[in-house]
Structures are given as C-alpha cells and as structure tokens.
Amino acid sequence: MKGVKKQNLPVKICPVCKLSFAWRKKWERNWNDVIYCSVKCRNKKQS
C-alpha cells in the first residue's frame, strides 16, 4: 500500500455497527482477516 492516497484506501463495513472503516498500516499483513472495526465490536458480536 505504499504510495496510496488516503481517499483510495480499501474500505470494509463492520457487521456489528454497520460503519465503514478504512485500511490501516497495522492491518497490513492481515487485512483479509479483519472483520470488525474495533475490539468493542469484536466483543459485541458474541452477545
């Protein structure tokens, strides 16, 4: 993702809160496995 402008970053929709979230550097290696936008949403899915 080097040299990509912020408006061109990939986006996903969180299944819990239905908000969109964009690619982050910390998710570079596992972007395909990222499902939830935050730890809070990841924990909410179980309840």
PDB file of N, CA and C in Angstrom:
ATOM      1  N   MET A   1       0.824  -1.201   0.000  1.00  0.00           N
ATOM      2  CA  MET A   1       0.000   0.000   0.000  1.00  0.00           C
ATOM      3  C   MET A   1       0.864   1.260   0.000  1.00  0.00           C
ATOM      4  N   LYS A   2       2.098   1.117  -0.342  1.00  0.00           N
ATOM      5  CA  LYS A   2       2.986   2.268  -0.321  1.00  0.00           C
ATOM      6  C   LYS A   2       2.639   3.227  -1.458  1.00  0.00           C
ATOM      7  N   GLY A   3       2.500   4.492  -1.132  1.00  0.00           N
ATOM      8  CA  GLY A   3       2.214   5.495  -2.130  1.00  0.00           C
ATOM      9  C   GLY A   3       0.751   5.629  -2.504  1.00  0.00           C
ATOM     10  N   VAL A   4      -0.150   5.086  -1.703  1.00  0.00           N
ATOM     11  CA  VAL A   4      -1.581   5.174  -1.987  1.00  0.00           C
ATOM     12  C   VAL A   4      -2.171   6.345  -1.210  1.00  0.00           C
ATOM     13  N   LYS A   5      -2.955   7.173  -1.892  1.00  0.00           N
ATOM     14  CA  LYS A   5      -3.582   8.310  -1.223  1.00  0.00           C
ATOM     15  C   LYS A   5      -4.684   7.831  -0.288  1.00  0.00           C
ATOM     16  N   LYS A   6      -4.938   8.594   0.764  1.00  0.00           N
ATOM     17  CA  LYS A   6      -5.908   8.182   1.778  1.00  0.00           C
ATOM     18  C   LYS A   6      -7.298   7.944   1.213  1.00  0.00           C
ATOM     19  N   GLN A   7      -7.716   8.715   0.239  1.00  0.00           N
ATOM     20  CA  GLN A   7      -9.062   8.520  -0.308  1.00  0.00           C
ATOM     21  C   GLN A   7      -9.159   7.254  -1.155  1.00  0.00           C
ATOM     22  N   ASN A   8      -8.023   6.643  -1.488  1.00  0.00           N
ATOM     23  CA  ASN A   8      -8.021   5.429  -2.303  1.00  0.00           C
ATOM     24  C   ASN A   8      -7.758   4.157  -1.501  1.00  0.00           C
ATOM     25  N   LEU A   9      -7.768   4.245  -0.170  1.00  0.00           N
ATOM     26  CA  LEU A   9      -7.532   3.066   0.658  1.00  0.00           C
ATOM     27  C   LEU A   9      -8.748   2.149   0.630  1.00  0.00           C
ATOM     28  N   PRO A  10      -8.536   0.843   0.744  1.00  0.00           N
ATOM     29  CA  PRO A  10      -9.659  -0.090   0.779  1.00  0.00           C
ATOM     30  C   PRO A  10     -10.532   0.145   2.010  1.00  0.00           C
ATOM     31  N   VAL A  11     -11.814  -0.115   1.869  1.00  0.00           N
ATOM     32  CA  VAL A  11     -12.783   0.114   2.946  1.00  0.00           C
ATOM     33  C   VAL A  11     -13.604  -1.153   3.146  1.00  0.00           C
ATOM     34  N   LYS A  12     -13.953  -1.419   4.403  1.00  0.00           N
ATOM     35  CA  LYS A  12     -14.845  -2.531   4.743  1.00  0.00           C
ATOM     36  C   LYS A  12     -15.966  -1.996   5.625  1.00  0.00           C
ATOM     37  N   ILE A  13     -17.048  -2.764   5.734  1.00  0.00           N
ATOM     38  CA  ILE A  13     -18.181  -2.416   6.586  1.00  0.00           C
ATOM     39  C   ILE A  13     -18.180  -3.361   7.787  1.00  0.00           C
ATOM     40  N   CYS A  14     -18.243  -2.800   8.984  1.00  0.00           N
ATOM     41  CA  CYS A  14     -18.289  -3.606  10.202  1.00  0.00           C
ATOM     42  C   CYS A  14     -19.673  -4.244  10.320  1.00  0.00           C
ATOM     43  N   PRO A  15     -19.759  -5.568  10.505  1.00  0.00           N
ATOM     44  CA  PRO A  15     -21.064  -6.235  10.590  1.00  0.00           C
ATOM     45  C   PRO A  15     -21.836  -5.928  11.873  1.00  0.00           C
ATOM     46  N   VAL A  16     -21.167  -5.407  12.895  1.00  0.00           N
ATOM     47  CA  VAL A  16     -21.827  -5.115  14.167  1.00  0.00           C
ATOM     48  C   VAL A  16     -22.430  -3.717  14.165  1.00  0.00           C
ATOM     49  N   CYS A  17     -21.601  -2.705  13.896  1.00  0.00           N
ATOM     50  CA  CYS A  17     -22.073  -1.315  13.974  1.00  0.00           C
ATOM     51  C   CYS A  17     -22.467  -0.743  12.615  1.00  0.00           C
ATOM     52  N   LYS A  18     -22.208  -1.473  11.537  1.00  0.00           N
ATOM     53  CA  LYS A  18     -22.564  -1.069  10.165  1.00  0.00           C
ATOM     54  C   LYS A  18     -21.839   0.187   9.681  1.00  0.00           C
ATOM     55  N   LEU A  19     -20.746   0.563  10.335  1.00  0.00           N
ATOM     56  CA  LEU A  19     -19.958   1.710   9.900  1.00  0.00           C
ATOM     57  C   LEU A  19     -18.802   1.228   9.029  1.00  0.00           C
ATOM     58  N   SER A  20     -18.368   2.090   8.130  1.00  0.00           N
ATOM     59  CA  SER A  20     -17.242   1.730   7.280  1.00  0.00           C
ATOM     60  C   SER A  20     -15.935   2.079   7.988  1.00  0.00           C
ATOM     61  N   PHE A  21     -14.922   1.277   7.728  1.00  0.00           N
ATOM     62  CA  PHE A  21     -13.601   1.564   8.270  1.00  0.00           C
ATOM     63  C   PHE A  21     -12.572   1.283   7.189  1.00  0.00           C
ATOM     64  N   ALA A  22     -11.516   2.083   7.186  1.00  0.00           N
ATOM     65  CA  ALA A  22     -10.512   2.016   6.127  1.00  0.00           C
ATOM     66  C   ALA A  22      -9.287   1.220   6.575  1.00  0.00           C
ATOM     67  N   TRP A  23      -8.508   0.815   5.599  1.00  0.00           N
ATOM     68  CA  TRP A  23      -7.263   0.090   5.811  1.00  0.00           C
ATOM     69  C   TRP A  23      -6.341   0.891   6.710  1.00  0.00           C
ATOM     70  N   ARG A  24      -5.651   0.199   7.609  1.00  0.00           N
ATOM     71  CA  ARG A  24      -4.652   0.827   8.476  1.00  0.00           C
ATOM     72  C   ARG A  24      -3.336   0.081   8.337  1.00  0.00           C
ATOM     73  N   LYS A  25      -2.255   0.798   8.584  1.00  0.00           N
ATOM     74  CA  LYS A  25      -0.917   0.210   8.474  1.00  0.00           C
ATOM     75  C   LYS A  25      -0.777  -1.028   9.362  1.00  0.00           C
ATOM     76  N   LYS A  26      -1.361  -0.989  10.573  1.00  0.00           N
ATOM     77  CA  LYS A  26      -1.223  -2.129  11.490  1.00  0.00           C
ATOM     78  C   LYS A  26      -1.957  -3.375  10.984  1.00  0.00           C
ATOM     79  N   TRP A  27      -2.872  -3.218  10.024  1.00  0.00           N
ATOM     80  CA  TRP A  27      -3.603  -4.343   9.448  1.00  0.00           C
ATOM     81  C   TRP A  27      -2.986  -4.792   8.121  1.00  0.00           C
ATOM     82  N   GLU A  28      -1.809  -4.297   7.805  1.00  0.00           N
ATOM     83  CA  GLU A  28      -1.201  -4.551   6.501  1.00  0.00           C
ATOM     84  C   GLU A  28      -1.064  -6.045   6.193  1.00  0.00           C
ATOM     85  N   ARG A  29      -0.626  -6.822   7.148  1.00  0.00           N
ATOM     86  CA  ARG A  29      -0.379  -8.249   6.911  1.00  0.00           C
ATOM     87  C   ARG A  29      -1.640  -9.091   6.920  1.00  0.00           C
ATOM     88  N   ASN A  30      -2.684  -8.645   7.633  1.00  0.00           N
ATOM     89  CA  ASN A  30      -3.875  -9.482   7.756  1.00  0.00           C
ATOM     90  C   ASN A  30      -5.170  -8.750   7.402  1.00  0.00           C
ATOM     91  N   TRP A  31      -5.120  -7.856   6.427  1.00  0.00           N
ATOM     92  CA  TRP A  31      -6.317  -7.101   6.028  1.00  0.00           C
ATOM     93  C   TRP A  31      -7.449  -8.034   5.595  1.00  0.00           C
ATOM     94  N   ASN A  32      -7.136  -9.136   4.963  1.00  0.00           N
ATOM     95  CA  ASN A  32      -8.172 -10.072   4.517  1.00  0.00           C
ATOM     96  C   ASN A  32      -8.885 -10.744   5.686  1.00  0.00           C
ATOM     97  N   ASP A  33      -8.235 -10.807   6.842  1.00  0.00           N
ATOM     98  CA  ASP A  33      -8.824 -11.440   8.020  1.00  0.00           C
ATOM     99  C   ASP A  33      -9.551 -10.452   8.925  1.00  0.00           C
ATOM    100  N   VAL A  34      -9.368  -9.159   8.717  1.00  0.00           N
ATOM    101  CA  VAL A  34     -10.007  -8.144   9.560  1.00  0.00           C
ATOM    102  C   VAL A  34     -11.493  -8.089   9.218  1.00  0.00           C
ATOM    103  N   ILE A  35     -12.345  -8.240  10.249  1.00  0.00           N
ATOM    104  CA  ILE A  35     -13.791  -8.227  10.047  1.00  0.00           C
ATOM    105  C   ILE A  35     -14.434  -7.061  10.785  1.00  0.00           C
ATOM    106  N   TYR A  36     -13.962  -6.799  11.998  1.00  0.00           N
ATOM    107  CA  TYR A  36     -14.586  -5.791  12.861  1.00  0.00           C
ATOM    108  C   TYR A  36     -13.730  -4.532  12.926  1.00  0.00           C
ATOM    109  N   CYS A  37     -14.379  -3.391  13.143  1.00  0.00           N
ATOM    110  CA  CYS A  37     -13.674  -2.111  13.142  1.00  0.00           C
ATOM    111  C   CYS A  37     -12.921  -1.849  14.438  1.00  0.00           C
ATOM    112  N   SER A  38     -13.308  -2.525  15.520  1.00  0.00           N
ATOM    113  CA  SER A  38     -12.681  -2.267  16.816  1.00  0.00           C
ATOM    114  C   SER A  38     -12.799  -3.485  17.723  1.00  0.00           C
ATOM    115  N   VAL A  39     -12.089  -3.440  18.827  1.00  0.00           N
ATOM    116  CA  VAL A  39     -12.177  -4.502  19.830  1.00  0.00           C
ATOM    117  C   VAL A  39     -13.578  -4.521  20.425  1.00  0.00           C
ATOM    118  N   LYS A  40     -14.148  -3.354  20.615  1.00  0.00           N
ATOM    119  CA  LYS A  40     -15.506  -3.253  21.165  1.00  0.00           C
ATOM    120  C   LYS A  40     -16.512  -4.012  20.289  1.00  0.00           C
ATOM    121  N   CYS A  41     -16.451  -3.818  18.998  1.00  0.00           N
ATOM    122  CA  CYS A  41     -17.360  -4.524  18.084  1.00  0.00           C
ATOM    123  C   CYS A  41     -17.053  -6.011  18.038  1.00  0.00           C
ATOM    124  N   ARG A  42     -15.784  -6.363  18.102  1.00  0.00           N
ATOM    125  CA  ARG A  42     -15.420  -7.777  18.093  1.00  0.00           C
ATOM    126  C   ARG A  42     -15.978  -8.486  19.326  1.00  0.00           C
ATOM    127  N   ASN A  43     -15.968  -7.816  20.468  1.00  0.00           N
ATOM    128  CA  ASN A  43     -16.511  -8.400  21.691  1.00  0.00           C
ATOM    129  C   ASN A  43     -18.032  -8.413  21.689  1.00  0.00           C
ATOM    130  N   LYS A  44     -18.651  -7.441  21.049  1.00  0.00           N
ATOM    131  CA  LYS A  44     -20.112  -7.357  20.994  1.00  0.00           C
ATOM    132  C   LYS A  44     -20.730  -8.471  20.164  1.00  0.00           C
ATOM    133  N   LYS A  45     -20.023  -8.974  19.189  1.00  0.00           N
ATOM    134  CA  LYS A  45     -20.561  -9.999  18.296  1.00  0.00           C
ATOM    135  C   LYS A  45     -20.978 -11.254  19.044  1.00  0.00           C
ATOM    136  N   GLN A  46     -20.349 -11.518  20.169  1.00  0.00           N
ATOM    137  CA  GLN A  46     -20.621 -12.732  20.921  1.00  0.00           C
ATOM    138  C   GLN A  46     -21.893 -12.638  21.741  1.00  0.00           C
ATOM    139  N   SER A  47     -22.325 -11.429  22.046  1.00  0.00           N
ATOM    140  CA  SER A  47     -23.524 -11.292  22.883  1.00  0.00           C
ATOM    141  C   SER A  47     -24.772 -11.082  22.066  1.00  0.00           C
TER     142      SER A  47
END
